Amino acid sequence: MRVFLAGVSCVDVSDIRKDMAYFGRSYKKADVVVEVAGLSPQDVAVKVNEILSSRH
């Protein structure tokens, strides 16, 4: 299946796939996963702090 992204070159898509593969390996090793989509940087910091604090 081919996916076309408006305004994104084939080189960019290749780079995105490489990044997904690289970070996918790190993601599998993570002890904690924090969903931050749509959050402000301040809200991300608060959420990460809350989750890490609850683990100790």
Protein backbone atom coordinates (compact mmCIF):
# COMPACT_ATOMS: atom_id res chain seq x y z
CA MET A 1 0.00 0.00 0.00
CA ARG A 2 1.26 3.47 -0.85
CA VAL A 3 0.45 6.49 1.23
CA PHE A 4 0.69 9.95 -0.25
CA LEU A 5 1.06 12.97 1.97
CA ALA A 6 0.32 16.34 0.45
CA GLY A 7 3.43 18.50 0.38
CA VAL A 8 5.76 15.75 1.60
CA SER A 9 8.47 14.50 -0.73
CA CYS A 10 9.48 10.85 -1.10
CA VAL A 11 12.73 11.66 0.69
CA ASP A 12 10.79 13.04 3.65
CA VAL A 13 8.62 9.91 3.79
CA SER A 14 11.75 7.77 3.76
CA ASP A 15 13.16 9.78 6.66
CA ILE A 16 9.88 9.43 8.55
CA ARG A 17 9.98 5.65 8.12
CA LYS A 18 13.59 5.51 9.35
CA ASP A 19 12.66 7.58 12.41
CA MET A 20 9.67 5.32 13.13
CA ALA A 21 11.89 2.23 12.96
CA TYR A 22 14.56 3.79 15.19
CA PHE A 23 12.19 5.13 17.83
CA GLY A 24 10.05 1.99 17.66
CA ARG A 25 12.96 0.03 19.13
CA SER A 26 13.31 2.54 21.96
CA TYR A 27 9.57 2.53 22.57
CA LYS A 28 9.63 -1.25 23.12
CA LYS A 29 12.29 -0.82 25.82
CA ALA A 30 10.47 1.94 27.72
CA ASP A 31 9.30 1.36 31.27
CA VAL A 32 6.78 4.19 30.98
CA VAL A 33 4.74 5.51 28.06
CA VAL A 34 3.10 8.92 28.31
CA GLU A 35 0.51 10.06 25.76
CA VAL A 36 1.22 13.75 25.10
CA ALA A 37 -0.65 14.41 21.85
CA GLY A 38 -2.40 17.77 21.98
CA LEU A 39 -0.84 18.84 25.26
CA SER A 40 1.10 22.04 25.81
CA PRO A 41 4.75 21.74 26.91
CA GLN A 42 3.71 22.74 30.43
CA ASP A 43 0.97 20.09 30.51
CA VAL A 44 3.43 17.47 29.23
CA ALA A 45 5.85 18.31 32.04
CA VAL A 46 3.09 18.03 34.64
CA LYS A 47 1.81 14.73 33.25
CA VAL A 48 5.28 13.16 33.03
CA ASN A 49 6.08 14.33 36.57
CA GLU A 50 2.81 12.85 37.91
CA ILE A 51 3.41 9.48 36.25
CA LEU A 52 7.04 9.25 37.36
CA SER A 53 6.18 10.33 40.91
CA SER A 54 3.49 7.66 41.17
CA ARG A 55 6.03 4.95 40.30
CA HIS A 56 8.17 5.53 43.41
